[in-house]
C-alpha cells in the first residue's frame, strides 16, 4: 500500500489451522501499520481447521502487510468480504431479506 492509503476497515474470510492461537494471530495483526483494532470470530470449526471472520479497523492499514502476517501464521485468505477506504467509515445499511 502507498503511504497515502486510507484503508479503514477490512473484513476477511480466513481459514487457519486449529493448532494456531487466534489470540496470537490477533496480537500480531495489531502490529501491522495503521491497525487500531482487531476482531476475530470463529464461524466454523473442524478437527484441523478454523473458519474465521477477521475484521480489522484503523487508519491507513497496510493491506499487503496484513495479508503477509496472516499468511505467515499458516492461514489462507479465501476472500475480502468488505473493504472501506476514505476519510470515514460508511456502514452497510441493514436490508430485510427478500421474499
PDB file of N, CA and C in Angstrom:
ATOM      1  N   UNK A   1       0.845  -1.169   0.000  1.00  0.00           N
ATOM      2  CA  UNK A   1       0.000   0.000   0.000  1.00  0.00           C
ATOM      3  C   UNK A   1       0.896   1.241   0.000  1.00  0.00           C
ATOM      4  N   UNK A   2       0.393   2.270  -0.563  1.00  0.00           N
ATOM      5  CA  UNK A   2       1.143   3.514  -0.575  1.00  0.00           C
ATOM      6  C   UNK A   2       0.941   4.239   0.743  1.00  0.00           C
ATOM      7  N   UNK A   3       1.797   5.223   0.992  1.00  0.00           N
ATOM      8  CA  UNK A   3       1.675   5.993   2.229  1.00  0.00           C
ATOM      9  C   UNK A   3       0.391   6.801   2.264  1.00  0.00           C
ATOM     10  N   UNK A   4      -0.241   7.017   1.109  1.00  0.00           N
ATOM     11  CA  UNK A   4      -1.475   7.796   1.067  1.00  0.00           C
ATOM     12  C   UNK A   4      -2.711   6.906   1.211  1.00  0.00           C
ATOM     13  N   UNK A   5      -2.510   5.616   1.438  1.00  0.00           N
ATOM     14  CA  UNK A   5      -3.629   4.687   1.578  1.00  0.00           C
ATOM     15  C   UNK A   5      -4.527   5.107   2.736  1.00  0.00           C
ATOM     16  N   UNK A   6      -5.836   5.031   2.526  1.00  0.00           N
ATOM     17  CA  UNK A   6      -6.789   5.368   3.582  1.00  0.00           C
ATOM     18  C   UNK A   6      -7.686   4.170   3.890  1.00  0.00           C
ATOM     19  N   UNK A   7      -7.110   2.973   3.877  1.00  0.00           N
ATOM     20  CA  UNK A   7      -7.882   1.774   4.228  1.00  0.00           C
ATOM     21  C   UNK A   7      -8.244   1.866   5.701  1.00  0.00           C
ATOM     22  N   UNK A   8      -9.558   1.796   5.975  1.00  0.00           N
ATOM     23  CA  UNK A   8     -10.052   1.937   7.348  1.00  0.00           C
ATOM     24  C   UNK A   8     -10.629   0.647   7.920  1.00  0.00           C
ATOM     25  N   UNK A   9     -11.211  -0.186   7.072  1.00  0.00           N
ATOM     26  CA  UNK A   9     -11.762  -1.467   7.558  1.00  0.00           C
ATOM     27  C   UNK A   9     -11.561  -2.522   6.494  1.00  0.00           C
ATOM     28  N   UNK A  10     -11.188  -3.712   6.961  1.00  0.00           N
ATOM     29  CA  UNK A  10     -11.056  -4.875   6.093  1.00  0.00           C
ATOM     30  C   UNK A  10     -11.750  -6.038   6.797  1.00  0.00           C
ATOM     31  N   UNK A  11     -12.610  -6.749   6.069  1.00  0.00           N
ATOM     32  CA  UNK A  11     -13.256  -7.953   6.581  1.00  0.00           C
ATOM     33  C   UNK A  11     -12.820  -9.098   5.686  1.00  0.00           C
ATOM     34  N   UNK A  12     -12.187 -10.099   6.308  1.00  0.00           N
ATOM     35  CA  UNK A  12     -11.614 -11.211   5.560  1.00  0.00           C
ATOM     36  C   UNK A  12     -12.231 -12.540   5.976  1.00  0.00           C
ATOM     37  N   UNK A  13     -12.387 -13.435   5.004  1.00  0.00           N
ATOM     38  CA  UNK A  13     -12.775 -14.828   5.221  1.00  0.00           C
ATOM     39  C   UNK A  13     -11.475 -15.621   5.243  1.00  0.00           C
ATOM     40  N   UNK A  14     -11.151 -16.201   6.394  1.00  0.00           N
ATOM     41  CA  UNK A  14      -9.844 -16.827   6.591  1.00  0.00           C
ATOM     42  C   UNK A  14     -10.012 -18.225   7.189  1.00  0.00           C
ATOM     43  N   UNK A  15      -9.207 -19.170   6.695  1.00  0.00           N
ATOM     44  CA  UNK A  15      -9.081 -20.483   7.332  1.00  0.00           C
ATOM     45  C   UNK A  15      -7.698 -20.575   7.943  1.00  0.00           C
ATOM     46  N   UNK A  16      -7.633 -21.126   9.166  1.00  0.00           N
ATOM     47  CA  UNK A  16      -6.358 -21.241   9.866  1.00  0.00           C
ATOM     48  C   UNK A  16      -6.301 -22.611  10.542  1.00  0.00           C
ATOM     49  N   UNK A  17      -5.123 -23.212  10.596  1.00  0.00           N
ATOM     50  CA  UNK A  17      -5.014 -24.482  11.315  1.00  0.00           C
ATOM     51  C   UNK A  17      -5.480 -24.323  12.765  1.00  0.00           C
ATOM     52  N   UNK A  18      -6.219 -25.305  13.267  1.00  0.00           N
ATOM     53  CA  UNK A  18      -6.791 -25.189  14.610  1.00  0.00           C
ATOM     54  C   UNK A  18      -5.731 -25.167  15.704  1.00  0.00           C
ATOM     55  N   UNK A  19      -4.518 -25.562  15.399  1.00  0.00           N
ATOM     56  CA  UNK A  19      -3.435 -25.533  16.387  1.00  0.00           C
ATOM     57  C   UNK A  19      -2.899 -24.122  16.626  1.00  0.00           C
ATOM     58  N   UNK A  20      -3.256 -23.166  15.760  1.00  0.00           N
ATOM     59  CA  UNK A  20      -2.783 -21.789  15.873  1.00  0.00           C
ATOM     60  C   UNK A  20      -3.720 -21.002  16.799  1.00  0.00           C
ATOM     61  N   UNK A  21      -3.144 -20.259  17.709  1.00  0.00           N
ATOM     62  CA  UNK A  21      -3.931 -19.448  18.645  1.00  0.00           C
ATOM     63  C   UNK A  21      -4.470 -18.203  17.940  1.00  0.00           C
ATOM     64  N   UNK A  22      -5.789 -17.993  18.021  1.00  0.00           N
ATOM     65  CA  UNK A  22      -6.344 -16.773  17.428  1.00  0.00           C
ATOM     66  C   UNK A  22      -5.948 -15.546  18.249  1.00  0.00           C
ATOM     67  N   UNK A  23      -5.631 -15.731  19.526  1.00  0.00           N
ATOM     68  CA  UNK A  23      -5.142 -14.619  20.348  1.00  0.00           C
ATOM     69  C   UNK A  23      -3.784 -14.159  19.825  1.00  0.00           C
ATOM     70  N   UNK A  24      -2.897 -15.118  19.540  1.00  0.00           N
ATOM     71  CA  UNK A  24      -1.582 -14.771  18.988  1.00  0.00           C
ATOM     72  C   UNK A  24      -1.733 -14.089  17.634  1.00  0.00           C
ATOM     73  N   UNK A  25      -2.620 -14.614  16.794  1.00  0.00           N
ATOM     74  CA  UNK A  25      -2.844 -14.016  15.483  1.00  0.00           C
ATOM     75  C   UNK A  25      -3.334 -12.582  15.636  1.00  0.00           C
ATOM     76  N   UNK A  26      -4.297 -12.354  16.520  1.00  0.00           N
ATOM     77  CA  UNK A  26      -4.834 -11.007  16.724  1.00  0.00           C
ATOM     78  C   UNK A  26      -3.740 -10.052  17.208  1.00  0.00           C
ATOM     79  N   UNK A  27      -2.903 -10.512  18.119  1.00  0.00           N
ATOM     80  CA  UNK A  27      -1.817  -9.662  18.624  1.00  0.00           C
ATOM     81  C   UNK A  27      -0.808  -9.324  17.530  1.00  0.00           C
ATOM     82  N   UNK A  28      -0.535 -10.254  16.635  1.00  0.00           N
ATOM     83  CA  UNK A  28       0.382  -9.984  15.520  1.00  0.00           C
ATOM     84  C   UNK A  28      -0.247  -9.007  14.522  1.00  0.00           C
ATOM     85  N   UNK A  29      -1.538  -9.158  14.266  1.00  0.00           N
ATOM     86  CA  UNK A  29      -2.226  -8.233  13.361  1.00  0.00           C
ATOM     87  C   UNK A  29      -2.188  -6.814  13.922  1.00  0.00           C
ATOM     88  N   UNK A  30      -2.272  -6.677  15.245  1.00  0.00           N
ATOM     89  CA  UNK A  30      -2.230  -5.350  15.869  1.00  0.00           C
ATOM     90  C   UNK A  30      -0.919  -4.617  15.586  1.00  0.00           C
ATOM     91  N   UNK A  31       0.130  -5.350  15.219  1.00  0.00           N
ATOM     92  CA  UNK A  31       1.431  -4.740  14.926  1.00  0.00           C
ATOM     93  C   UNK A  31       1.520  -4.183  13.502  1.00  0.00           C
ATOM     94  N   UNK A  32       0.533  -4.499  12.662  1.00  0.00           N
ATOM     95  CA  UNK A  32       0.540  -4.018  11.280  1.00  0.00           C
ATOM     96  C   UNK A  32       0.312  -2.506  11.282  1.00  0.00           C
ATOM     97  N   UNK A  33       1.127  -1.776  10.520  1.00  0.00           N
ATOM     98  CA  UNK A  33       0.942  -0.319  10.477  1.00  0.00           C
ATOM     99  C   UNK A  33      -0.484   0.083  10.104  1.00  0.00           C
ATOM    100  N   UNK A  34      -1.034   1.025  10.884  1.00  0.00           N
ATOM    101  CA  UNK A  34      -2.369   1.552  10.635  1.00  0.00           C
ATOM    102  C   UNK A  34      -3.484   0.841  11.367  1.00  0.00           C
ATOM    103  N   UNK A  35      -3.218  -0.345  11.925  1.00  0.00           N
ATOM    104  CA  UNK A  35      -4.264  -1.113  12.609  1.00  0.00           C
ATOM    105  C   UNK A  35      -4.502  -0.536  13.998  1.00  0.00           C
ATOM    106  N   UNK A  36      -5.786  -0.319  14.321  1.00  0.00           N
ATOM    107  CA  UNK A  36      -6.182   0.191  15.637  1.00  0.00           C
ATOM    108  C   UNK A  36      -7.007  -0.815  16.430  1.00  0.00           C
ATOM    109  N   UNK A  37      -7.672  -1.769  15.732  1.00  0.00           N
ATOM    110  CA  UNK A  37      -8.497  -2.756  16.426  1.00  0.00           C
ATOM    111  C   UNK A  37      -8.649  -4.002  15.555  1.00  0.00           C
ATOM    112  N   UNK A  38      -8.788  -5.154  16.225  1.00  0.00           N
ATOM    113  CA  UNK A  38      -8.936  -6.442  15.533  1.00  0.00           C
ATOM    114  C   UNK A  38     -10.058  -7.228  16.205  1.00  0.00           C
ATOM    115  N   UNK A  39     -10.916  -7.833  15.384  1.00  0.00           N
ATOM    116  CA  UNK A  39     -11.967  -8.726  15.862  1.00  0.00           C
ATOM    117  C   UNK A  39     -11.839 -10.012  15.064  1.00  0.00           C
ATOM    118  N   UNK A  40     -11.601 -11.130  15.749  1.00  0.00           N
ATOM    119  CA  UNK A  40     -11.551 -12.431  15.088  1.00  0.00           C
ATOM    120  C   UNK A  40     -12.674 -13.278  15.664  1.00  0.00           C
ATOM    121  N   UNK A  41     -13.544 -13.747  14.784  1.00  0.00           N
ATOM    122  CA  UNK A  41     -14.676 -14.572  15.184  1.00  0.00           C
ATOM    123  C   UNK A  41     -14.570 -15.924  14.497  1.00  0.00           C
ATOM    124  N   UNK A  42     -14.713 -16.991  15.291  1.00  0.00           N
ATOM    125  CA  UNK A  42     -14.717 -18.339  14.733  1.00  0.00           C
ATOM    126  C   UNK A  42     -16.119 -18.622  14.216  1.00  0.00           C
ATOM    127  N   UNK A  43     -16.219 -18.864  12.914  1.00  0.00           N
ATOM    128  CA  UNK A  43     -17.509 -19.152  12.270  1.00  0.00           C
ATOM    129  C   UNK A  43     -17.728 -20.645  12.083  1.00  0.00           C
ATOM    130  N   UNK A  44     -16.634 -21.387  11.856  1.00  0.00           N
ATOM    131  CA  UNK A  44     -16.723 -22.829  11.627  1.00  0.00           C
ATOM    132  C   UNK A  44     -15.543 -23.512  12.307  1.00  0.00           C
ATOM    133  N   UNK A  45     -15.786 -24.716  12.801  1.00  0.00           N
ATOM    134  CA  UNK A  45     -14.699 -25.495  13.386  1.00  0.00           C
ATOM    135  C   UNK A  45     -14.669 -26.870  12.749  1.00  0.00           C
ATOM    136  N   UNK A  46     -13.465 -27.359  12.584  1.00  0.00           N
ATOM    137  CA  UNK A  46     -13.213 -28.687  12.066  1.00  0.00           C
ATOM    138  C   UNK A  46     -12.080 -29.242  12.923  1.00  0.00           C
ATOM    139  N   UNK A  47     -11.758 -30.495  12.745  1.00  0.00           N
ATOM    140  CA  UNK A  47     -10.681 -31.087  13.530  1.00  0.00           C
ATOM    141  C   UNK A  47      -9.371 -30.339  13.293  1.00  0.00           C
ATOM    142  N   UNK A  48      -9.099 -30.001  12.054  1.00  0.00           N
ATOM    143  CA  UNK A  48      -7.810 -29.409  11.706  1.00  0.00           C
ATOM    144  C   UNK A  48      -7.854 -27.920  11.361  1.00  0.00           C
ATOM    145  N   UNK A  49      -9.046 -27.373  11.109  1.00  0.00           N
ATOM    146  CA  UNK A  49      -9.141 -26.014  10.573  1.00  0.00           C
ATOM    147  C   UNK A  49     -10.231 -25.219  11.291  1.00  0.00           C
ATOM    148  N   UNK A  50      -9.939 -23.930  11.508  1.00  0.00           N
ATOM    149  CA  UNK A  50     -10.946 -22.988  11.998  1.00  0.00           C
ATOM    150  C   UNK A  50     -11.292 -22.040  10.854  1.00  0.00           C
ATOM    151  N   UNK A  51     -12.575 -21.831  10.626  1.00  0.00           N
ATOM    152  CA  UNK A  51     -13.039 -20.840   9.661  1.00  0.00           C
ATOM    153  C   UNK A  51     -13.295 -19.544  10.406  1.00  0.00           C
ATOM    154  N   UNK A  52     -12.590 -18.489  10.037  1.00  0.00           N
ATOM    155  CA  UNK A  52     -12.637 -17.228  10.766  1.00  0.00           C
ATOM    156  C   UNK A  52     -13.178 -16.095   9.923  1.00  0.00           C
ATOM    157  N   UNK A  53     -13.789 -15.130  10.603  1.00  0.00           N
ATOM    158  CA  UNK A  53     -14.038 -13.817  10.029  1.00  0.00           C
ATOM    159  C   UNK A  53     -13.101 -12.883  10.780  1.00  0.00           C
ATOM    160  N   UNK A  54     -12.215 -12.224  10.040  1.00  0.00           N
ATOM    161  CA  UNK A  54     -11.233 -11.319  10.629  1.00  0.00           C
ATOM    162  C   UNK A  54     -11.613  -9.896  10.220  1.00  0.00           C
ATOM    163  N   UNK A  55     -11.926  -9.073  11.220  1.00  0.00           N
ATOM    164  CA  UNK A  55     -12.269  -7.674  10.975  1.00  0.00           C
ATOM    165  C   UNK A  55     -11.153  -6.815  11.552  1.00  0.00           C
ATOM    166  N   UNK A  56     -10.619  -5.944  10.702  1.00  0.00           N
ATOM    167  CA  UNK A  56      -9.519  -5.066  11.107  1.00  0.00           C
ATOM    168  C   UNK A  56      -9.942  -3.634  10.817  1.00  0.00           C
ATOM    169  N   UNK A  57      -9.773  -2.762  11.808  1.00  0.00           N
ATOM    170  CA  UNK A  57     -10.083  -1.345  11.619  1.00  0.00           C
ATOM    171  C   UNK A  57      -8.885  -0.495  12.006  1.00  0.00           C
ATOM    172  N   UNK A  58      -8.802   0.666  11.381  1.00  0.00           N
ATOM    173  CA  UNK A  58      -7.719   1.588  11.673  1.00  0.00           C
ATOM    174  C   UNK A  58      -7.749   2.749  10.709  1.00  0.00           C
ATOM    175  N   UNK A  59      -6.581   3.298  10.451  1.00  0.00           N
ATOM    176  CA  UNK A  59      -6.456   4.415   9.517  1.00  0.00           C
ATOM    177  C   UNK A  59      -5.170   4.226   8.746  1.00  0.00           C
ATOM    178  N   UNK A  60      -5.287   3.990   7.447  1.00  0.00           N
ATOM    179  CA  UNK A  60      -4.107   3.736   6.631  1.00  0.00           C
ATOM    180  C   UNK A  60      -3.541   2.352   6.851  1.00  0.00           C
ATOM    181  N   UNK A  61      -4.418   1.357   6.979  1.00  0.00           N
ATOM    182  CA  UNK A  61      -3.986  -0.026   7.191  1.00  0.00           C
ATOM    183  C   UNK A  61      -3.135  -0.474   6.010  1.00  0.00           C
ATOM    184  N   UNK A  62      -1.982  -1.053   6.310  1.00  0.00           N
ATOM    185  CA  UNK A  62      -1.098  -1.598   5.282  1.00  0.00           C
ATOM    186  C   UNK A  62      -1.634  -2.975   4.888  1.00  0.00           C
ATOM    187  N   UNK A  63      -2.456  -3.000   3.825  1.00  0.00           N
ATOM    188  CA  UNK A  63      -3.157  -4.227   3.437  1.00  0.00           C
ATOM    189  C   UNK A  63      -2.187  -5.343   3.053  1.00  0.00           C
ATOM    190  N   UNK A  64      -1.127  -5.024   2.346  1.00  0.00           N
ATOM    191  CA  UNK A  64      -0.164  -6.060   1.940  1.00  0.00           C
ATOM    192  C   UNK A  64       0.528  -6.669   3.156  1.00  0.00           C
ATOM    193  N   UNK A  65       0.872  -5.846   4.139  1.00  0.00           N
ATOM    194  CA  UNK A  65       1.475  -6.361   5.370  1.00  0.00           C
ATOM    195  C   UNK A  65       0.465  -7.180   6.167  1.00  0.00           C
ATOM    196  N   UNK A  66      -0.779  -6.762   6.183  1.00  0.00           N
ATOM    197  CA  UNK A  66      -1.838  -7.528   6.842  1.00  0.00           C
ATOM    198  C   UNK A  66      -1.933  -8.928   6.244  1.00  0.00           C
ATOM    199  N   UNK A  67      -1.979  -9.004   4.919  1.00  0.00           N
ATOM    200  CA  UNK A  67      -2.018 -10.315   4.259  1.00  0.00           C
ATOM    201  C   UNK A  67      -0.787 -11.142   4.605  1.00  0.00           C
ATOM    202  N   UNK A  68       0.379 -10.514   4.598  1.00  0.00           N
ATOM    203  CA  UNK A  68       1.617 -11.238   4.887  1.00  0.00           C
ATOM    204  C   UNK A  68       1.593 -11.838   6.299  1.00  0.00           C
ATOM    205  N   UNK A  69       1.159 -11.053   7.283  1.00  0.00           N
ATOM    206  CA  UNK A  69       1.115 -11.524   8.670  1.00  0.00           C
ATOM    207  C   UNK A  69       0.152 -12.708   8.802  1.00  0.00           C
ATOM    208  N   UNK A  70      -1.012 -12.607   8.199  1.00  0.00           N
ATOM    209  CA  UNK A  70      -1.996 -13.692   8.285  1.00  0.00           C
ATOM    210  C   UNK A  70      -1.460 -14.958   7.627  1.00  0.00           C
ATOM    211  N   UNK A  71      -0.913 -14.830   6.431  1.00  0.00           N
ATOM    212  CA  UNK A  71      -0.395 -15.998   5.713  1.00  0.00           C
ATOM    213  C   UNK A  71       0.834 -16.583   6.404  1.00  0.00           C
ATOM    214  N   UNK A  72       1.634 -15.748   7.063  1.00  0.00           N
ATOM    215  CA  UNK A  72       2.810 -16.213   7.810  1.00  0.00           C
ATOM    216  C   UNK A  72       2.406 -17.163   8.937  1.00  0.00           C
ATOM    217  N   UNK A  73       1.200 -17.010   9.446  1.00  0.00           N
ATOM    218  CA  UNK A  73       0.691 -17.879  10.509  1.00  0.00           C
ATOM    219  C   UNK A  73       0.034 -19.149   9.963  1.00  0.00           C
ATOM    220  N   UNK A  74       0.230 -19.424   8.678  1.00  0.00           N
ATOM    221  CA  UNK A  74      -0.297 -20.653   8.087  1.00  0.00           C
ATOM    222  C   UNK A  74      -1.744 -20.556   7.666  1.00  0.00           C
ATOM    223  N   UNK A  75      -2.282 -19.359   7.645  1.00  0.00           N
ATOM    224  CA  UNK A  75      -3.686 -19.152   7.287  1.00  0.00           C
ATOM    225  C   UNK A  75      -3.829 -18.934   5.785  1.00  0.00           C
ATOM    226  N   UNK A  76      -5.031 -19.212   5.303  1.00  0.00           N
ATOM    227  CA  UNK A  76      -5.376 -18.960   3.900  1.00  0.00           C
ATOM    228  C   UNK A  76      -6.511 -17.950   3.860  1.00  0.00           C
ATOM    229  N   UNK A  77      -6.300 -16.866   3.132  1.00  0.00           N
ATOM    230  CA  UNK A  77      -7.340 -15.857   2.952  1.00  0.00           C
ATOM    231  C   UNK A  77      -8.182 -16.290   1.764  1.00  0.00           C
ATOM    232  N   UNK A  78      -9.464 -16.560   2.012  1.00  0.00           N
ATOM    233  CA  UNK A  78     -10.362 -17.019   0.943  1.00  0.00           C
ATOM    234  C   UNK A  78     -11.048 -15.866   0.230  1.00  0.00           C
ATOM    235  N   UNK A  79     -11.124 -14.731   0.874  1.00  0.00           N
ATOM    236  CA  UNK A  79     -11.764 -13.606   0.211  1.00  0.00           C
ATOM    237  C   UNK A  79     -11.783 -12.369   1.073  1.00  0.00           C
ATOM    238  N   UNK A  80     -11.923 -11.247   0.401  1.00  0.00           N
ATOM    239  CA  UNK A  80     -12.121  -9.964   1.062  1.00  0.00           C
ATOM    240  C   UNK A  80     -13.618  -9.696   0.990  1.00  0.00           C
ATOM    241  N   UNK A  81     -14.285  -9.779   2.135  1.00  0.00           N
ATOM    242  CA  UNK A  81     -15.739  -9.601   2.179  1.00  0.00           C
ATOM    243  C   UNK A  81     -16.150  -8.141   2.246  1.00  0.00           C
ATOM    244  N   UNK A  82     -15.254  -7.298   2.752  1.00  0.00           N
ATOM    245  CA  UNK A  82     -15.550  -5.862   2.805  1.00  0.00           C
ATOM    246  C   UNK A  82     -14.238  -5.103   2.918  1.00  0.00           C
ATOM    247  N   UNK A  83     -14.184  -3.971   2.263  1.00  0.00           N
ATOM    248  CA  UNK A  83     -13.061  -3.052   2.441  1.00  0.00           C
ATOM    249  C   UNK A  83     -13.625  -1.637   2.396  1.00  0.00           C
ATOM    250  N   UNK A  84     -13.194  -0.821   3.340  1.00  0.00           N
ATOM    251  CA  UNK A  84     -13.652   0.566   3.400  1.00  0.00           C
ATOM    252  C   UNK A  84     -12.424   1.452   3.326  1.00  0.00           C
ATOM    253  N   UNK A  85     -12.464   2.402   2.411  1.00  0.00           N
ATOM    254  CA  UNK A  85     -11.365   3.326   2.189  1.00  0.00           C
ATOM    255  C   UNK A  85     -11.935   4.737   2.186  1.00  0.00           C
ATOM    256  N   UNK A  86     -11.251   5.671   2.827  1.00  0.00           N
ATOM    257  CA  UNK A  86     -11.695   7.064   2.782  1.00  0.00           C
ATOM    258  C   UNK A  86     -11.452   7.787   4.075  1.00  0.00           C
ATOM    259  N   UNK A  87     -12.084   8.930   4.200  1.00  0.00           N
ATOM    260  CA  UNK A  87     -11.914   9.765   5.381  1.00  0.00           C
ATOM    261  C   UNK A  87     -12.737   9.282   6.571  1.00  0.00           C
ATOM    262  N   UNK A  88     -13.772   8.480   6.309  1.00  0.00           N
ATOM    263  CA  UNK A  88     -14.597   7.946   7.391  1.00  0.00           C
ATOM    264  C   UNK A  88     -15.207   6.618   6.942  1.00  0.00           C
ATOM    265  N   UNK A  89     -15.816   5.921   7.896  1.00  0.00           N
ATOM    266  CA  UNK A  89     -16.402   4.609   7.632  1.00  0.00           C
ATOM    267  C   UNK A  89     -17.872   4.763   7.286  1.00  0.00           C
ATOM    268  N   UNK A  90     -18.242   4.213   6.152  1.00  0.00           N
ATOM    269  CA  UNK A  90     -19.648   4.166   5.740  1.00  0.00           C
ATOM    270  C   UNK A  90     -20.171   2.787   6.126  1.00  0.00           C
ATOM    271  N   UNK A  91     -21.165   2.757   6.986  1.00  0.00           N
ATOM    272  CA  UNK A  91     -21.746   1.478   7.401  1.00  0.00           C
ATOM    273  C   UNK A  91     -22.676   0.953   6.322  1.00  0.00           C
ATOM    274  N   UNK A  92     -22.678  -0.356   6.158  1.00  0.00           N
ATOM    275  CA  UNK A  92     -23.569  -1.017   5.209  1.00  0.00           C
ATOM    276  C   UNK A  92     -24.977  -0.993   5.792  1.00  0.00           C
ATOM    277  N   UNK A  93     -25.962  -0.497   5.063  1.00  0.00           N
ATOM    278  CA  UNK A  93     -27.316  -0.409   5.613  1.00  0.00           C
ATOM    279  C   UNK A  93     -27.962  -1.782   5.745  1.00  0.00           C
ATOM    280  N   UNK A  94     -28.707  -1.966   6.822  1.00  0.00           N
ATOM    281  CA  UNK A  94     -29.450  -3.208   7.014  1.00  0.00           C
ATOM    282  C   UNK A  94     -30.546  -3.277   5.974  1.00  0.00           C
ATOM    283  N   UNK A  95     -30.673  -4.426   5.354  1.00  0.00           N
ATOM    284  CA  UNK A  95     -31.755  -4.649   4.383  1.00  0.00           C
ATOM    285  C   UNK A  95     -32.485  -5.929   4.755  1.00  0.00           C
ATOM    286  N   UNK A  96     -33.790  -5.850   4.930  1.00  0.00           N
ATOM    287  CA  UNK A  96     -34.553  -7.073   5.245  1.00  0.00           C
ATOM    288  C   UNK A  96     -34.405  -8.074   4.102  1.00  0.00           C
ATOM    289  N   UNK A  97     -34.496  -9.342   4.461  1.00  0.00           N
ATOM    290  CA  UNK A  97     -34.393 -10.411   3.446  1.00  0.00           C
ATOM    291  C   UNK A  97     -35.507 -10.283   2.437  1.00  0.00           C
ATOM    292  N   UNK A  98     -35.157 -10.532   1.189  1.00  0.00           N
ATOM    293  CA  UNK A  98     -36.179 -10.507   0.127  1.00  0.00           C
ATOM    294  C   UNK A  98     -37.018 -11.764   0.186  1.00  0.00           C
ATOM    295  N   UNK A  99     -38.280 -11.624  -0.133  1.00  0.00           N
ATOM    296  CA  UNK A  99     -39.176 -12.793  -0.108  1.00  0.00           C
ATOM    297  C   UNK A  99     -39.548 -13.205  -1.497  1.00  0.00           C
TER     298      UNK A  99
END
